[in-house]
C-alpha atoms as a PDB file:
ATOM      1  CA  UNK A   1     -16.827   2.250   0.152  1.00  0.00           C
ATOM      2  CA  UNK A   2     -16.636   1.255   3.811  1.00  0.00           C
ATOM      3  CA  UNK A   3     -18.778  -1.870   3.385  1.00  0.00           C
ATOM      4  CA  UNK A   4     -16.315  -3.323   0.847  1.00  0.00           C
ATOM      5  CA  UNK A   5     -13.378  -2.464   3.096  1.00  0.00           C
ATOM      6  CA  UNK A   6     -15.040  -4.280   6.018  1.00  0.00           C
ATOM      7  CA  UNK A   7     -15.769  -7.316   3.824  1.00  0.00           C
ATOM      8  CA  UNK A   8     -12.171  -7.443   2.555  1.00  0.00           C
ATOM      9  CA  UNK A   9     -10.504  -7.274   5.982  1.00  0.00           C
ATOM     10  CA  UNK A  10      -8.514 -10.461   6.596  1.00  0.00           C
ATOM     11  CA  UNK A  11      -5.961 -11.937   8.929  1.00  0.00           C
ATOM     12  CA  UNK A  12      -2.603 -12.047   7.182  1.00  0.00           C
ATOM     13  CA  UNK A  13       0.060 -13.937   9.121  1.00  0.00           C
ATOM     14  CA  UNK A  14       3.851 -13.435   9.432  1.00  0.00           C
ATOM     15  CA  UNK A  15       4.589 -16.457   7.214  1.00  0.00           C
ATOM     16  CA  UNK A  16       2.896 -14.486   4.399  1.00  0.00           C
ATOM     17  CA  UNK A  17       4.864 -11.238   4.881  1.00  0.00           C
ATOM     18  CA  UNK A  18       7.603 -10.104   2.549  1.00  0.00           C
ATOM     19  CA  UNK A  19      10.654  -7.998   3.481  1.00  0.00           C
ATOM     20  CA  UNK A  20       9.233  -4.621   2.447  1.00  0.00           C
ATOM     21  CA  UNK A  21       9.554  -2.231   5.405  1.00  0.00           C
ATOM     22  CA  UNK A  22       6.594  -0.256   6.721  1.00  0.00           C
ATOM     23  CA  UNK A  23       7.282   3.481   6.812  1.00  0.00           C
ATOM     24  CA  UNK A  24       7.013   5.201  10.190  1.00  0.00           C
ATOM     25  CA  UNK A  25       4.502   7.667   8.697  1.00  0.00           C
ATOM     26  CA  UNK A  26       2.268   4.733   7.699  1.00  0.00           C
ATOM     27  CA  UNK A  27       2.458   3.248  11.205  1.00  0.00           C
ATOM     28  CA  UNK A  28       1.576   6.662  12.628  1.00  0.00           C
ATOM     29  CA  UNK A  29      -1.433   6.862  10.291  1.00  0.00           C
ATOM     30  CA  UNK A  30      -2.568   3.409  11.437  1.00  0.00           C
ATOM     31  CA  UNK A  31      -2.215   4.446  15.082  1.00  0.00           C
ATOM     32  CA  UNK A  32      -4.090   7.689  14.393  1.00  0.00           C
ATOM     33  CA  UNK A  33      -6.994   5.600  13.050  1.00  0.00           C
ATOM     34  CA  UNK A  34      -7.076   3.822  16.414  1.00  0.00           C
ATOM     35  CA  UNK A  35      -7.657   7.063  18.283  1.00  0.00           C
ATOM     36  CA  UNK A  36     -11.010   7.528  16.563  1.00  0.00           C
ATOM     37  CA  UNK A  37     -12.548   4.440  18.152  1.00  0.00           C
ATOM     38  CA  UNK A  38     -15.591   4.881  20.396  1.00  0.00           C
ATOM     39  CA  UNK A  39     -14.734   5.285  24.064  1.00  0.00           C
ATOM     40  CA  UNK A  40     -17.225   5.420  26.893  1.00  0.00           C
ATOM     41  CA  UNK A  41     -16.700   8.434  29.172  1.00  0.00           C
ATOM     42  CA  UNK A  42     -13.772   9.352  26.910  1.00  0.00           C
ATOM     43  CA  UNK A  43     -11.303   7.195  28.856  1.00  0.00           C
ATOM     44  CA  UNK A  44      -9.387   6.378  25.625  1.00  0.00           C
ATOM     45  CA  UNK A  45      -7.948   3.212  27.220  1.00  0.00           C
ATOM     46  CA  UNK A  46      -5.844   2.077  24.256  1.00  0.00           C
ATOM     47  CA  UNK A  47      -2.086   2.173  24.639  1.00  0.00           C
ATOM     48  CA  UNK A  48       0.394   0.979  22.039  1.00  0.00           C
ATOM     49  CA  UNK A  49       4.053   0.044  22.015  1.00  0.00           C
ATOM     50  CA  UNK A  50       5.613  -0.171  18.535  1.00  0.00           C
ATOM     51  CA  UNK A  51       8.342  -2.746  18.005  1.00  0.00           C
ATOM     52  CA  UNK A  52      10.631  -2.542  15.003  1.00  0.00           C
ATOM     53  CA  UNK A  53      14.182  -3.580  14.205  1.00  0.00           C
ATOM     54  CA  UNK A  54      16.043  -5.324  17.015  1.00  0.00           C
ATOM     55  CA  UNK A  55      13.060  -4.961  19.381  1.00  0.00           C
ATOM     56  CA  UNK A  56      11.196  -7.577  17.288  1.00  0.00           C
ATOM     57  CA  UNK A  57      14.065 -10.053  17.684  1.00  0.00           C
ATOM     58  CA  UNK A  58      14.171  -9.397  21.433  1.00  0.00           C
ATOM     59  CA  UNK A  59      10.413  -9.997  21.659  1.00  0.00           C
ATOM     60  CA  UNK A  60      10.761 -13.339  19.866  1.00  0.00           C
ATOM     61  CA  UNK A  61      13.540 -14.420  22.208  1.00  0.00           C
ATOM     62  CA  UNK A  62      11.553 -13.297  25.264  1.00  0.00           C
ATOM     63  CA  UNK A  63       8.393 -15.131  24.176  1.00  0.00           C
ATOM     64  CA  UNK A  64      10.218 -18.354  23.308  1.00  0.00           C
ATOM     65  CA  UNK A  65      12.120 -18.387  26.625  1.00  0.00           C
ATOM     66  CA  UNK A  66       8.947 -17.660  28.634  1.00  0.00           C
ATOM     67  CA  UNK A  67       7.197 -20.458  26.785  1.00  0.00           C
ATOM     68  CA  UNK A  68      10.012 -22.915  27.542  1.00  0.00           C
ATOM     69  CA  UNK A  69      10.111 -21.822  31.210  1.00  0.00           C
ATOM     70  CA  UNK A  70       6.366 -22.213  31.706  1.00  0.00           C
ATOM     71  CA  UNK A  71       5.421 -25.156  29.513  1.00  0.00           C
ATOM     72  CA  UNK A  72       6.044 -28.600  31.061  1.00  0.00           C
ATOM     73  CA  UNK A  73       6.611 -30.169  27.627  1.00  0.00           C
ATOM     74  CA  UNK A  74       7.543 -27.361  25.219  1.00  0.00           C
ATOM     75  CA  UNK A  75       7.080 -28.169  21.551  1.00  0.00           C
ATOM     76  CA  UNK A  76      10.066 -27.360  19.377  1.00  0.00           C
ATOM     77  CA  UNK A  77       7.933 -26.063  16.491  1.00  0.00           C
ATOM     78  CA  UNK A  78       6.199 -23.603  18.844  1.00  0.00           C
ATOM     79  CA  UNK A  79       9.513 -22.362  20.273  1.00  0.00           C
ATOM     80  CA  UNK A  80      10.710 -21.744  16.712  1.00  0.00           C
ATOM     81  CA  UNK A  81       7.459 -20.006  15.704  1.00  0.00           C
ATOM     82  CA  UNK A  82       7.574 -17.712  18.752  1.00  0.00           C
ATOM     83  CA  UNK A  83      11.172 -16.847  17.887  1.00  0.00           C
ATOM     84  CA  UNK A  84      10.736 -16.354  14.133  1.00  0.00           C
ATOM     85  CA  UNK A  85       7.318 -14.699  13.690  1.00  0.00           C
ATOM     86  CA  UNK A  86       8.323 -11.347  15.189  1.00  0.00           C
ATOM     87  CA  UNK A  87      11.341 -11.159  12.852  1.00  0.00           C
ATOM     88  CA  UNK A  88       9.093 -11.675   9.815  1.00  0.00           C
ATOM     89  CA  UNK A  89       6.814  -8.750  10.673  1.00  0.00           C
ATOM     90  CA  UNK A  90       7.406  -5.278   9.269  1.00  0.00           C
ATOM     91  CA  UNK A  91       6.304  -3.979  12.667  1.00  0.00           C
ATOM     92  CA  UNK A  92       4.535  -5.255  15.758  1.00  0.00           C
ATOM     93  CA  UNK A  93       2.307  -3.135  17.908  1.00  0.00           C
ATOM     94  CA  UNK A  94       1.748  -4.335  21.454  1.00  0.00           C
ATOM     95  CA  UNK A  95      -1.938  -3.730  22.173  1.00  0.00           C
ATOM     96  CA  UNK A  96      -2.406  -2.536  25.732  1.00  0.00           C
ATOM     97  CA  UNK A  97      -5.291  -1.262  27.804  1.00  0.00           C
ATOM     98  CA  UNK A  98      -4.976   1.386  30.486  1.00  0.00           C
ATOM     99  CA  UNK A  99      -7.667   0.830  33.081  1.00  0.00           C
ATOM    100  CA  UNK A 100      -9.462   3.989  34.182  1.00  0.00           C
ATOM    101  CA  UNK A 101      -8.039   4.626  37.686  1.00  0.00           C
ATOM    102  CA  UNK A 102     -11.489   5.685  38.878  1.00  0.00           C
ATOM    103  CA  UNK A 103     -13.000   2.495  37.422  1.00  0.00           C
ATOM    104  CA  UNK A 104     -15.864   4.705  36.296  1.00  0.00           C
ATOM    105  CA  UNK A 105     -16.938   2.121  33.728  1.00  0.00           C
ATOM    106  CA  UNK A 106     -16.797  -1.690  33.665  1.00  0.00           C
ATOM    107  CA  UNK A 107     -13.487  -3.139  32.496  1.00  0.00           C
ATOM    108  CA  UNK A 108     -15.165  -4.976  29.617  1.00  0.00           C
ATOM    109  CA  UNK A 109     -16.180  -1.624  28.112  1.00  0.00           C
ATOM    110  CA  UNK A 110     -12.569  -0.489  28.073  1.00  0.00           C
ATOM    111  CA  UNK A 111     -11.492  -3.780  26.525  1.00  0.00           C
ATOM    112  CA  UNK A 112     -14.234  -3.287  23.913  1.00  0.00           C
ATOM    113  CA  UNK A 113     -12.916   0.217  23.168  1.00  0.00           C
ATOM    114  CA  UNK A 114      -9.414  -1.170  22.659  1.00  0.00           C
ATOM    115  CA  UNK A 115     -10.833  -3.850  20.343  1.00  0.00           C
ATOM    116  CA  UNK A 116     -12.619  -1.160  18.331  1.00  0.00           C
ATOM    117  CA  UNK A 117      -9.348   0.797  18.111  1.00  0.00           C
ATOM    118  CA  UNK A 118      -7.672  -2.343  16.765  1.00  0.00           C
ATOM    119  CA  UNK A 119     -10.490  -2.806  14.232  1.00  0.00           C
ATOM    120  CA  UNK A 120      -9.847   0.760  13.032  1.00  0.00           C
ATOM    121  CA  UNK A 121      -6.155  -0.114  12.658  1.00  0.00           C
ATOM    122  CA  UNK A 122      -7.062  -3.310  10.805  1.00  0.00           C
ATOM    123  CA  UNK A 123      -9.326  -1.476   8.373  1.00  0.00           C
ATOM    124  CA  UNK A 124      -6.653   1.164   7.811  1.00  0.00           C
ATOM    125  CA  UNK A 125      -4.075  -1.560   7.097  1.00  0.00           C
ATOM    126  CA  UNK A 126      -6.493  -3.225   4.676  1.00  0.00           C
ATOM    127  CA  UNK A 127      -6.922   0.023   2.771  1.00  0.00           C
ATOM    128  CA  UNK A 128      -3.133   0.545   2.697  1.00  0.00           C
ATOM    129  CA  UNK A 129      -2.388  -2.995   1.460  1.00  0.00           C
ATOM    130  CA  UNK A 130      -0.667  -3.996   4.701  1.00  0.00           C
ATOM    131  CA  UNK A 131      -1.424  -7.450   6.077  1.00  0.00           C
ATOM    132  CA  UNK A 132      -2.043  -7.798   9.784  1.00  0.00           C
ATOM    133  CA  UNK A 133      -3.513  -9.882  12.555  1.00  0.00           C
ATOM    134  CA  UNK A 134      -4.096  -9.724  16.299  1.00  0.00           C
ATOM    135  CA  UNK A 135      -2.241 -12.418  18.226  1.00  0.00           C
ATOM    136  CA  UNK A 136      -3.157 -12.952  21.857  1.00  0.00           C
ATOM    137  CA  UNK A 137      -0.957 -15.748  23.207  1.00  0.00           C
ATOM    138  CA  UNK A 138      -1.221 -16.741  26.854  1.00  0.00           C
ATOM    139  CA  UNK A 139       2.313 -15.372  27.252  1.00  0.00           C
ATOM    140  CA  UNK A 140       0.977 -11.792  27.236  1.00  0.00           C
ATOM    141  CA  UNK A 141       0.509 -12.108  30.987  1.00  0.00           C
ATOM    142  CA  UNK A 142       4.306 -11.857  31.283  1.00  0.00           C
ATOM    143  CA  UNK A 143       4.745  -8.725  29.178  1.00  0.00           C
ATOM    144  CA  UNK A 144       5.403  -6.527  32.199  1.00  0.00           C
ATOM    145  CA  UNK A 145       8.734  -8.405  32.349  1.00  0.00           C
ATOM    146  CA  UNK A 146       9.538  -7.245  28.806  1.00  0.00           C
ATOM    147  CA  UNK A 147       8.510  -3.601  28.811  1.00  0.00           C
ATOM    148  CA  UNK A 148       7.269  -1.125  31.375  1.00  0.00           C
ATOM    149  CA  UNK A 149       3.532  -1.109  31.910  1.00  0.00           C
ATOM    150  CA  UNK A 150       1.913   1.698  33.866  1.00  0.00           C
ATOM    151  CA  UNK A 151      -0.140   0.921  36.940  1.00  0.00           C
ATOM    152  CA  UNK A 152      -3.463  -0.477  35.699  1.00  0.00           C
ATOM    153  CA  UNK A 153      -2.115  -1.152  32.194  1.00  0.00           C
ATOM    154  CA  UNK A 154      -2.128  -4.631  30.709  1.00  0.00           C
ATOM    155  CA  UNK A 155      -1.142  -6.156  27.418  1.00  0.00           C
ATOM    156  CA  UNK A 156      -3.995  -7.659  25.386  1.00  0.00           C
ATOM    157  CA  UNK A 157      -1.910  -8.993  22.515  1.00  0.00           C
ATOM    158  CA  UNK A 158       0.216  -8.129  19.515  1.00  0.00           C
ATOM    159  CA  UNK A 159      -0.801  -6.558  16.213  1.00  0.00           C
ATOM    160  CA  UNK A 160       1.555  -8.067  13.635  1.00  0.00           C
ATOM    161  CA  UNK A 161       1.875  -6.123  10.368  1.00  0.00           C
ATOM    162  CA  UNK A 162       3.651  -6.700   7.083  1.00  0.00           C
ATOM    163  CA  UNK A 163       3.360  -6.298   3.358  1.00  0.00           C
ATOM    164  CA  UNK A 164       2.564  -9.460   1.416  1.00  0.00           C
ATOM    165  CA  UNK A 165       2.744 -10.708  -2.162  1.00  0.00           C
ATOM    166  CA  UNK A 166       0.172 -13.480  -2.312  1.00  0.00           C
ATOM    167  CA  UNK A 167      -3.473 -12.878  -3.040  1.00  0.00           C
ATOM    168  CA  UNK A 168      -5.509 -13.271   0.133  1.00  0.00           C
ATOM    169  CA  UNK A 169      -8.350 -15.715  -0.445  1.00  0.00           C
ATOM    170  CA  UNK A 170     -11.934 -14.593  -0.161  1.00  0.00           C
ATOM    171  CA  UNK A 171     -13.933 -15.951   2.735  1.00  0.00           C
ATOM    172  CA  UNK A 172     -17.614 -16.386   3.269  1.00  0.00           C
ATOM    173  CA  UNK A 173     -19.855 -15.861   6.225  1.00  0.00           C
ATOM    174  CA  UNK A 174     -23.147 -17.504   7.035  1.00  0.00           C
ATOM    175  CA  UNK A 175     -26.243 -15.464   6.276  1.00  0.00           C
ATOM    176  CA  UNK A 176     -27.064 -12.701   8.735  1.00  0.00           C
ATOM    177  CA  UNK A 177     -30.597 -14.060   8.917  1.00  0.00           C
ATOM    178  CA  UNK A 178     -29.176 -17.023  10.864  1.00  0.00           C
ATOM    179  CA  UNK A 179     -27.965 -14.679  13.605  1.00  0.00           C
ATOM    180  CA  UNK A 180     -30.718 -12.094  13.918  1.00  0.00           C
ATOM    181  CA  UNK A 181     -34.060 -12.130  15.668  1.00  0.00           C
ATOM    182  CA  UNK A 182     -36.420  -9.283  14.791  1.00  0.00           C
ATOM    183  CA  UNK A 183     -38.718  -8.129  17.557  1.00  0.00           C
ATOM    184  CA  UNK A 184     -41.708  -5.930  16.846  1.00  0.00           C
END
């Protein structure tokens, strides 16, 4: 049931991933789920770049070097985390948004569509037993130095994915009544 799937969606981080590879067909299925997100004026602004194998190592090196170049007092633990997390993932999908060249809708609506595409991916991963999370470090502003971005395209973050062994703890949310006002 979809409600249970939504309730069981969690962030699962690279430190929790095991070494089990993610099949290309499974990644394709996850990406296909993204394409069914709502999109105003059918702009379909989501764009994805899949990193596997050596590309993950290169991403880690790129991020750690950019961090050291742009941080006045880089923290060693952060350099190490930026370097190691990509290697731990079964796959990383760079989440990008292609701005409608006609700017026929506000940019926030296209960002919202991309976020809904990522939610579809997240729910698909949850159903498939693949852990994932959306990382959006400040370093994403430099991603056009790492891979080619089309005119009007920008990186919004990374979707880390990996299988995991540990049980993911349940979480709670405050009551919906605390967040809703009914108007009649």
